[in-house]
Amino acid sequence: MISELAQWLGCLTGLVGALLLALNLPLSRWGFVAYFISNLAWIAYGLLAAVPALVLMQLGFMLTTLIGFYRWFRLPASAGNESRPLRS
């Protein structure tokens, strides 16, 4: 039951995160929060189901999520442009 809940939570929050980032709106940065929840859920599932490759992959994705979170939340958006492009 818990592993099934972790799978669905990981799936749905991952999709929401991808959608938010693809829209590139002021609200898009919250996609990284959704990704972080997804990463945690998939790590929990990987541990419960004894799938070490999934755990390792999600740890790597979590690192990229934290980088994105830092880049989008560390500074306020410039005046007149609430969203931040995905490019440097």
N, C-alpha and C. Protein backbone atom coordinates (compact mmCIF):
# COMPACT_ATOMS: atom_id res chain seq x y z
N MET A 1 0.81 -1.19 0.00
CA MET A 1 0.00 0.00 0.00
C MET A 1 0.86 1.27 0.00
N ILE A 2 1.86 1.32 0.89
CA ILE A 2 2.73 2.49 0.96
C ILE A 2 3.55 2.63 -0.30
N SER A 3 4.04 1.50 -0.85
CA SER A 3 4.84 1.60 -2.07
C SER A 3 3.98 2.06 -3.26
N GLU A 4 2.73 1.66 -3.30
CA GLU A 4 1.84 2.12 -4.38
C GLU A 4 1.57 3.61 -4.24
N LEU A 5 1.38 4.08 -3.02
CA LEU A 5 1.18 5.51 -2.78
C LEU A 5 2.42 6.30 -3.20
N ALA A 6 3.60 5.79 -2.87
CA ALA A 6 4.85 6.46 -3.26
C ALA A 6 4.98 6.54 -4.78
N GLN A 7 4.61 5.47 -5.49
CA GLN A 7 4.67 5.49 -6.95
C GLN A 7 3.77 6.57 -7.54
N TRP A 8 2.53 6.63 -7.06
CA TRP A 8 1.58 7.60 -7.61
C TRP A 8 1.95 9.03 -7.24
N LEU A 9 2.43 9.22 -6.02
CA LEU A 9 2.88 10.55 -5.62
C LEU A 9 4.06 10.99 -6.47
N GLY A 10 5.02 10.09 -6.68
CA GLY A 10 6.18 10.40 -7.51
C GLY A 10 5.79 10.70 -8.94
N CYS A 11 4.87 9.92 -9.47
CA CYS A 11 4.41 10.11 -10.85
C CYS A 11 3.70 11.45 -11.01
N LEU A 12 2.72 11.71 -10.18
CA LEU A 12 1.90 12.92 -10.32
C LEU A 12 2.68 14.20 -10.05
N THR A 13 3.51 14.21 -9.01
CA THR A 13 4.29 15.42 -8.73
C THR A 13 5.37 15.65 -9.78
N GLY A 14 5.90 14.58 -10.35
CA GLY A 14 6.86 14.73 -11.45
C GLY A 14 6.21 15.35 -12.68
N LEU A 15 5.00 14.91 -13.00
CA LEU A 15 4.27 15.48 -14.13
C LEU A 15 3.90 16.94 -13.89
N VAL A 16 3.47 17.26 -12.68
CA VAL A 16 3.14 18.65 -12.35
C VAL A 16 4.39 19.52 -12.45
N GLY A 17 5.51 19.03 -11.95
CA GLY A 17 6.76 19.78 -12.03
C GLY A 17 7.17 20.05 -13.47
N ALA A 18 7.06 19.05 -14.32
CA ALA A 18 7.41 19.22 -15.73
C ALA A 18 6.49 20.23 -16.40
N LEU A 19 5.20 20.16 -16.11
CA LEU A 19 4.24 21.09 -16.70
C LEU A 19 4.54 22.52 -16.25
N LEU A 20 4.77 22.71 -14.96
CA LEU A 20 5.05 24.06 -14.46
C LEU A 20 6.29 24.65 -15.12
N LEU A 21 7.35 23.88 -15.25
CA LEU A 21 8.56 24.39 -15.88
C LEU A 21 8.37 24.64 -17.37
N ALA A 22 7.61 23.81 -18.03
CA ALA A 22 7.37 23.98 -19.47
C ALA A 22 6.57 25.25 -19.76
N LEU A 23 5.69 25.63 -18.84
CA LEU A 23 4.88 26.82 -19.05
C LEU A 23 5.69 28.12 -18.93
N ASN A 24 6.79 28.09 -18.19
CA ASN A 24 7.69 29.24 -18.01
C ASN A 24 6.91 30.50 -17.62
N LEU A 25 6.13 30.37 -16.57
CA LEU A 25 5.33 31.47 -16.01
C LEU A 25 5.92 31.86 -14.66
N PRO A 26 5.45 32.95 -14.04
CA PRO A 26 5.94 33.31 -12.71
C PRO A 26 5.82 32.16 -11.70
N LEU A 27 4.84 31.35 -11.87
CA LEU A 27 4.57 30.22 -11.00
C LEU A 27 5.47 29.00 -11.31
N SER A 28 6.21 29.07 -12.39
CA SER A 28 6.99 27.91 -12.86
C SER A 28 8.03 27.42 -11.86
N ARG A 29 8.61 28.33 -11.09
CA ARG A 29 9.66 27.89 -10.16
C ARG A 29 9.16 26.87 -9.15
N TRP A 30 7.86 26.85 -8.89
CA TRP A 30 7.31 25.87 -7.97
C TRP A 30 7.39 24.46 -8.54
N GLY A 31 7.70 24.35 -9.83
CA GLY A 31 7.93 23.05 -10.42
C GLY A 31 9.07 22.31 -9.75
N PHE A 32 10.07 23.06 -9.26
CA PHE A 32 11.18 22.41 -8.57
C PHE A 32 10.75 21.85 -7.22
N VAL A 33 9.80 22.47 -6.58
CA VAL A 33 9.25 21.92 -5.33
C VAL A 33 8.53 20.61 -5.64
N ALA A 34 7.74 20.63 -6.72
CA ALA A 34 7.04 19.40 -7.13
C ALA A 34 8.04 18.30 -7.47
N TYR A 35 9.11 18.66 -8.20
CA TYR A 35 10.15 17.68 -8.52
C TYR A 35 10.79 17.11 -7.26
N PHE A 36 11.04 17.97 -6.28
CA PHE A 36 11.67 17.51 -5.04
C PHE A 36 10.79 16.48 -4.33
N ILE A 37 9.50 16.76 -4.27
CA ILE A 37 8.56 15.80 -3.68
C ILE A 37 8.56 14.50 -4.47
N SER A 38 8.60 14.63 -5.80
CA SER A 38 8.66 13.45 -6.67
C SER A 38 9.92 12.63 -6.39
N ASN A 39 11.06 13.33 -6.28
CA ASN A 39 12.32 12.63 -5.99
C ASN A 39 12.23 11.86 -4.68
N LEU A 40 11.69 12.50 -3.65
CA LEU A 40 11.56 11.84 -2.35
C LEU A 40 10.66 10.61 -2.44
N ALA A 41 9.56 10.76 -3.16
CA ALA A 41 8.62 9.63 -3.29
C ALA A 41 9.27 8.47 -4.03
N TRP A 42 9.99 8.76 -5.11
CA TRP A 42 10.63 7.67 -5.87
C TRP A 42 11.77 7.03 -5.08
N ILE A 43 12.47 7.82 -4.28
CA ILE A 43 13.52 7.24 -3.43
C ILE A 43 12.87 6.31 -2.40
N ALA A 44 11.77 6.75 -1.80
CA ALA A 44 11.07 5.89 -0.84
C ALA A 44 10.62 4.60 -1.51
N TYR A 45 10.06 4.72 -2.70
CA TYR A 45 9.63 3.51 -3.41
C TYR A 45 10.82 2.61 -3.72
N GLY A 46 11.90 3.19 -4.21
CA GLY A 46 13.09 2.40 -4.53
C GLY A 46 13.64 1.66 -3.33
N LEU A 47 13.60 2.30 -2.17
CA LEU A 47 14.06 1.63 -0.95
C LEU A 47 13.11 0.52 -0.53
N LEU A 48 11.81 0.80 -0.59
CA LEU A 48 10.81 -0.22 -0.21
C LEU A 48 10.83 -1.42 -1.15
N ALA A 49 11.04 -1.16 -2.44
CA ALA A 49 11.02 -2.23 -3.44
C ALA A 49 12.40 -2.82 -3.70
N ALA A 50 13.41 -2.32 -2.99
CA ALA A 50 14.80 -2.79 -3.16
C ALA A 50 15.27 -2.65 -4.60
N VAL A 51 15.15 -1.42 -5.13
CA VAL A 51 15.60 -1.12 -6.50
C VAL A 51 16.69 -0.04 -6.40
N PRO A 52 17.94 -0.47 -6.16
CA PRO A 52 19.01 0.50 -5.92
C PRO A 52 19.28 1.43 -7.11
N ALA A 53 19.10 0.95 -8.33
CA ALA A 53 19.34 1.81 -9.49
C ALA A 53 18.37 2.99 -9.51
N LEU A 54 17.13 2.75 -9.13
CA LEU A 54 16.13 3.83 -9.07
C LEU A 54 16.51 4.84 -7.99
N VAL A 55 16.96 4.36 -6.85
CA VAL A 55 17.37 5.24 -5.76
C VAL A 55 18.54 6.11 -6.22
N LEU A 56 19.53 5.51 -6.84
CA LEU A 56 20.69 6.27 -7.31
C LEU A 56 20.29 7.31 -8.35
N MET A 57 19.44 6.92 -9.30
CA MET A 57 18.99 7.86 -10.33
C MET A 57 18.25 9.03 -9.69
N GLN A 58 17.38 8.76 -8.74
CA GLN A 58 16.61 9.83 -8.10
C GLN A 58 17.49 10.72 -7.24
N LEU A 59 18.54 10.18 -6.65
CA LEU A 59 19.49 11.02 -5.92
C LEU A 59 20.18 11.99 -6.88
N GLY A 60 20.53 11.51 -8.08
CA GLY A 60 21.11 12.38 -9.10
C GLY A 60 20.12 13.44 -9.55
N PHE A 61 18.87 13.04 -9.79
CA PHE A 61 17.83 14.00 -10.17
C PHE A 61 17.58 15.01 -9.05
N MET A 62 17.69 14.55 -7.80
CA MET A 62 17.49 15.46 -6.68
C MET A 62 18.56 16.55 -6.68
N LEU A 63 19.78 16.19 -7.04
CA LEU A 63 20.84 17.19 -7.13
C LEU A 63 20.49 18.25 -8.17
N THR A 64 20.02 17.83 -9.35
CA THR A 64 19.65 18.80 -10.38
C THR A 64 18.43 19.61 -9.93
N THR A 65 17.53 19.01 -9.20
CA THR A 65 16.37 19.72 -8.67
C THR A 65 16.82 20.81 -7.69
N LEU A 66 17.76 20.49 -6.82
CA LEU A 66 18.26 21.47 -5.86
C LEU A 66 19.00 22.61 -6.55
N ILE A 67 19.72 22.31 -7.62
CA ILE A 67 20.38 23.37 -8.40
C ILE A 67 19.32 24.29 -9.01
N GLY A 68 18.31 23.72 -9.62
CA GLY A 68 17.22 24.51 -10.19
C GLY A 68 16.50 25.32 -9.13
N PHE A 69 16.24 24.72 -8.00
CA PHE A 69 15.57 25.41 -6.89
C PHE A 69 16.40 26.62 -6.47
N TYR A 70 17.69 26.42 -6.30
CA TYR A 70 18.59 27.50 -5.89
C TYR A 70 18.58 28.63 -6.93
N ARG A 71 18.70 28.27 -8.20
CA ARG A 71 18.75 29.28 -9.26
C ARG A 71 17.46 30.07 -9.36
N TRP A 72 16.32 29.46 -9.16
CA TRP A 72 15.04 30.14 -9.35
C TRP A 72 14.54 30.83 -8.10
N PHE A 73 15.02 30.45 -6.92
CA PHE A 73 14.50 31.04 -5.69
C PHE A 73 15.50 31.96 -4.99
N ARG A 74 16.76 31.95 -5.37
CA ARG A 74 17.76 32.72 -4.62
C ARG A 74 17.63 34.21 -4.82
N LEU A 75 17.22 34.67 -6.00
CA LEU A 75 17.09 36.09 -6.29
C LEU A 75 15.68 36.40 -6.74
N PRO A 76 15.18 37.56 -6.38
CA PRO A 76 13.86 37.92 -6.90
C PRO A 76 13.93 38.10 -8.41
N ALA A 77 12.83 37.80 -9.07
CA ALA A 77 12.78 37.99 -10.52
C ALA A 77 12.95 39.47 -10.83
N SER A 78 13.56 39.79 -11.96
CA SER A 78 13.76 41.19 -12.33
C SER A 78 12.41 41.87 -12.56
N ALA A 79 12.38 43.15 -12.30
CA ALA A 79 11.12 43.91 -12.45
C ALA A 79 10.64 43.82 -13.88
N GLY A 80 9.36 43.58 -14.03
CA GLY A 80 8.76 43.51 -15.36
C GLY A 80 8.84 42.14 -15.99
N ASN A 81 9.61 41.24 -15.41
CA ASN A 81 9.70 39.88 -15.96
C ASN A 81 9.71 38.90 -14.79
N GLU A 82 8.54 38.43 -14.44
CA GLU A 82 8.39 37.55 -13.28
C GLU A 82 8.95 36.16 -13.50
N SER A 83 8.97 35.68 -14.74
CA SER A 83 9.47 34.33 -14.99
C SER A 83 10.94 34.38 -15.37
N ARG A 84 11.58 33.29 -15.17
CA ARG A 84 12.98 33.19 -15.56
C ARG A 84 13.12 32.16 -16.65
N PRO A 85 13.84 32.49 -17.70
CA PRO A 85 14.03 31.50 -18.76
C PRO A 85 14.87 30.34 -18.27
N LEU A 86 14.75 29.21 -18.93
CA LEU A 86 15.50 28.03 -18.53
C LEU A 86 16.94 28.08 -19.03
N ARG A 87 17.29 29.06 -19.81
CA ARG A 87 18.67 29.18 -20.29
C ARG A 87 19.45 30.12 -19.38
N SER A 88 20.77 30.08 -19.45
CA SER A 88 21.62 30.94 -18.60
C SER A 88 21.66 32.34 -19.12
